[in-house]
């Protein structure tokens, strides 16, 4: 009995391919001027059913306002 030892094409993997892990940007507020993510709340006010927060960037010192609607 003679066996054939020649290389053969690899068998296809029956398992579905594993997707590559997605690298996502962290969520949150970013300073529009310098890109810093350290923006603590400077003060908060309620107006017309909204919450208005003023945040101050610890890197460049600029302030920005965010608005949140109450659900």
N, C-alpha and C. Protein backbone atom coordinates (compact mmCIF):
# COMPACT_ATOMS: atom_id res chain seq x y z
N UNK A 1 0.84 -1.16 0.00
CA UNK A 1 0.00 0.00 0.00
C UNK A 1 0.90 1.24 0.00
N UNK A 2 0.60 2.16 -0.90
CA UNK A 2 1.42 3.35 -1.07
C UNK A 2 0.62 4.57 -0.64
N UNK A 3 1.23 5.45 0.19
CA UNK A 3 0.55 6.68 0.62
C UNK A 3 1.13 7.87 -0.12
N UNK A 4 0.27 8.82 -0.42
CA UNK A 4 0.69 10.02 -1.13
C UNK A 4 0.98 11.12 -0.11
N UNK A 5 2.20 11.62 -0.06
CA UNK A 5 2.60 12.64 0.91
C UNK A 5 2.74 14.02 0.27
N UNK A 6 2.13 14.22 -0.88
CA UNK A 6 2.26 15.52 -1.54
C UNK A 6 1.39 16.56 -0.81
N UNK A 7 1.81 17.86 -0.82
CA UNK A 7 1.04 18.89 -0.12
C UNK A 7 -0.32 19.10 -0.80
N UNK A 8 -1.31 19.31 0.01
CA UNK A 8 -2.66 19.54 -0.50
C UNK A 8 -3.14 20.92 -0.05
N UNK A 9 -4.19 21.38 -0.69
CA UNK A 9 -4.77 22.67 -0.30
C UNK A 9 -5.34 22.55 1.10
N UNK A 10 -5.21 23.60 1.93
CA UNK A 10 -5.74 23.53 3.29
C UNK A 10 -7.27 23.43 3.28
N UNK A 11 -7.77 22.74 4.26
CA UNK A 11 -9.22 22.59 4.39
C UNK A 11 -9.81 23.94 4.83
N UNK A 12 -10.97 24.31 4.27
CA UNK A 12 -11.58 25.56 4.73
C UNK A 12 -12.08 25.42 6.16
N UNK A 13 -11.96 26.51 6.91
CA UNK A 13 -12.39 26.52 8.31
C UNK A 13 -13.91 26.62 8.34
N UNK A 14 -14.61 25.66 8.97
CA UNK A 14 -16.07 25.69 8.97
C UNK A 14 -16.65 26.77 9.90
N UNK A 15 -15.83 27.32 10.77
CA UNK A 15 -16.32 28.35 11.70
C UNK A 15 -16.43 29.70 10.99
N UNK A 16 -17.39 30.53 11.38
CA UNK A 16 -17.48 31.86 10.77
C UNK A 16 -16.28 32.71 11.21
N UNK A 17 -15.86 33.64 10.37
CA UNK A 17 -14.70 34.47 10.74
C UNK A 17 -15.03 35.35 11.95
N UNK A 18 -14.03 35.54 12.78
CA UNK A 18 -14.18 36.38 13.97
C UNK A 18 -13.93 37.82 13.54
N UNK A 19 -14.89 38.74 13.80
CA UNK A 19 -14.67 40.13 13.39
C UNK A 19 -13.55 40.77 14.18
N UNK A 20 -12.86 41.69 13.53
CA UNK A 20 -11.79 42.44 14.19
C UNK A 20 -12.41 43.34 15.26
N UNK A 21 -11.77 43.48 16.42
CA UNK A 21 -12.33 44.37 17.44
C UNK A 21 -12.30 45.81 16.93
N UNK A 22 -13.40 46.53 17.14
CA UNK A 22 -13.49 47.91 16.70
C UNK A 22 -12.89 48.82 17.75
N UNK A 23 -12.10 49.75 17.29
CA UNK A 23 -11.52 50.75 18.19
C UNK A 23 -12.41 51.98 18.07
N UNK A 24 -13.08 52.32 19.16
CA UNK A 24 -13.99 53.45 19.14
C UNK A 24 -13.42 54.60 19.95
N UNK A 25 -13.76 55.78 19.51
CA UNK A 25 -13.37 56.96 20.26
C UNK A 25 -14.14 56.98 21.58
N UNK A 26 -13.51 57.35 22.66
CA UNK A 26 -14.25 57.45 23.91
C UNK A 26 -15.31 58.55 23.82
N UNK A 27 -16.45 58.28 24.43
CA UNK A 27 -17.53 59.26 24.41
C UNK A 27 -17.26 60.35 25.42
N UNK A 28 -17.84 61.50 25.20
CA UNK A 28 -17.70 62.58 26.15
C UNK A 28 -17.49 63.91 25.45
N UNK A 29 -17.34 64.95 26.23
CA UNK A 29 -17.17 66.30 25.71
C UNK A 29 -15.69 66.55 25.46
N UNK A 30 -15.40 67.18 24.32
CA UNK A 30 -14.02 67.50 23.95
C UNK A 30 -13.95 69.00 23.67
N UNK A 31 -12.90 69.63 24.15
CA UNK A 31 -12.70 71.06 23.91
C UNK A 31 -12.51 71.28 22.40
N UNK A 32 -13.28 72.21 21.84
CA UNK A 32 -13.19 72.50 20.41
C UNK A 32 -11.91 73.23 20.04
N UNK A 33 -11.26 73.83 21.02
CA UNK A 33 -10.09 74.64 20.73
C UNK A 33 -8.78 73.86 20.83
N UNK A 34 -8.65 73.01 21.87
CA UNK A 34 -7.37 72.31 22.06
C UNK A 34 -7.51 70.78 22.05
N UNK A 35 -8.74 70.25 22.06
CA UNK A 35 -8.93 68.80 22.01
C UNK A 35 -8.86 68.10 23.36
N UNK A 36 -8.72 68.86 24.43
CA UNK A 36 -8.62 68.30 25.78
C UNK A 36 -9.96 67.67 26.18
N UNK A 37 -9.91 66.58 26.95
CA UNK A 37 -11.12 65.92 27.42
C UNK A 37 -11.41 66.21 28.89
N UNK A 38 -10.62 67.06 29.51
CA UNK A 38 -10.81 67.39 30.92
C UNK A 38 -11.59 68.69 31.02
N UNK A 39 -12.93 68.57 31.05
CA UNK A 39 -13.80 69.74 31.05
C UNK A 39 -14.78 69.65 32.22
N UNK A 40 -14.36 70.01 33.42
CA UNK A 40 -15.29 69.95 34.55
C UNK A 40 -16.37 71.02 34.42
N UNK A 41 -17.50 70.78 35.09
CA UNK A 41 -18.62 71.71 35.05
C UNK A 41 -18.29 72.93 35.90
N UNK A 42 -18.40 74.10 35.29
CA UNK A 42 -18.15 75.37 35.98
C UNK A 42 -19.40 75.80 36.74
N UNK A 43 -20.56 75.75 36.08
CA UNK A 43 -21.84 75.95 36.78
C UNK A 43 -22.97 75.33 35.97
N UNK A 44 -24.13 75.10 36.65
CA UNK A 44 -25.30 74.47 36.06
C UNK A 44 -26.53 75.33 36.33
N UNK A 45 -27.38 75.48 35.31
CA UNK A 45 -28.64 76.22 35.44
C UNK A 45 -29.76 75.43 34.79
N UNK A 46 -30.98 75.64 35.30
CA UNK A 46 -32.17 75.06 34.67
C UNK A 46 -32.93 76.19 34.00
N UNK A 47 -33.24 75.98 32.72
CA UNK A 47 -34.02 76.98 31.98
C UNK A 47 -34.94 76.28 31.00
N UNK A 48 -36.22 76.61 31.05
CA UNK A 48 -37.21 76.12 30.09
C UNK A 48 -37.17 74.61 29.89
N UNK A 49 -37.09 73.87 30.97
CA UNK A 49 -37.09 72.41 30.88
C UNK A 49 -35.77 71.82 30.42
N UNK A 50 -34.74 72.63 30.35
CA UNK A 50 -33.41 72.16 29.94
C UNK A 50 -32.42 72.39 31.07
N UNK A 51 -31.37 71.60 31.05
CA UNK A 51 -30.26 71.81 31.98
C UNK A 51 -29.12 72.38 31.14
N UNK A 52 -28.64 73.53 31.53
CA UNK A 52 -27.54 74.18 30.81
C UNK A 52 -26.31 74.13 31.71
N UNK A 53 -25.24 73.57 31.18
CA UNK A 53 -23.99 73.48 31.93
C UNK A 53 -22.91 74.25 31.20
N UNK A 54 -22.14 74.99 31.95
CA UNK A 54 -20.98 75.67 31.39
C UNK A 54 -19.76 74.91 31.90
N UNK A 55 -18.93 74.49 30.96
CA UNK A 55 -17.73 73.72 31.29
C UNK A 55 -16.50 74.55 30.96
N UNK A 56 -15.45 74.35 31.75
CA UNK A 56 -14.21 75.10 31.52
C UNK A 56 -13.07 74.12 31.28
N UNK A 57 -12.37 74.30 30.17
CA UNK A 57 -11.25 73.43 29.82
C UNK A 57 -10.08 73.68 30.77
N UNK A 58 -9.55 72.62 31.33
CA UNK A 58 -8.41 72.78 32.25
C UNK A 58 -7.11 73.04 31.51
N UNK A 59 -7.08 72.77 30.22
CA UNK A 59 -5.86 72.98 29.45
C UNK A 59 -5.75 74.42 28.95
N UNK A 60 -6.79 74.90 28.23
CA UNK A 60 -6.70 76.23 27.63
C UNK A 60 -7.54 77.28 28.34
N UNK A 61 -8.42 76.87 29.28
CA UNK A 61 -9.20 77.81 30.07
C UNK A 61 -10.45 78.34 29.39
N UNK A 62 -10.72 77.92 28.15
CA UNK A 62 -11.92 78.40 27.46
C UNK A 62 -13.15 77.69 27.99
N UNK A 63 -14.28 78.38 27.90
CA UNK A 63 -15.53 77.82 28.40
C UNK A 63 -16.45 77.46 27.25
N UNK A 64 -17.24 76.42 27.46
CA UNK A 64 -18.24 76.03 26.47
C UNK A 64 -19.51 75.65 27.19
N UNK A 65 -20.64 75.80 26.49
CA UNK A 65 -21.93 75.52 27.08
C UNK A 65 -22.50 74.24 26.47
N UNK A 66 -23.09 73.39 27.32
CA UNK A 66 -23.79 72.20 26.84
C UNK A 66 -25.22 72.29 27.33
N UNK A 67 -26.14 71.77 26.51
CA UNK A 67 -27.56 71.77 26.86
C UNK A 67 -28.06 70.34 26.92
N UNK A 68 -28.85 70.06 27.95
CA UNK A 68 -29.45 68.74 28.12
C UNK A 68 -30.94 68.91 28.28
N UNK A 69 -31.71 68.06 27.61
CA UNK A 69 -33.16 68.10 27.74
C UNK A 69 -33.60 67.06 28.73
N UNK A 70 -34.53 67.42 29.60
CA UNK A 70 -35.07 66.46 30.56
C UNK A 70 -36.06 65.56 29.85
N UNK A 71 -35.98 64.27 30.13
CA UNK A 71 -36.87 63.30 29.49
C UNK A 71 -37.96 62.89 30.44
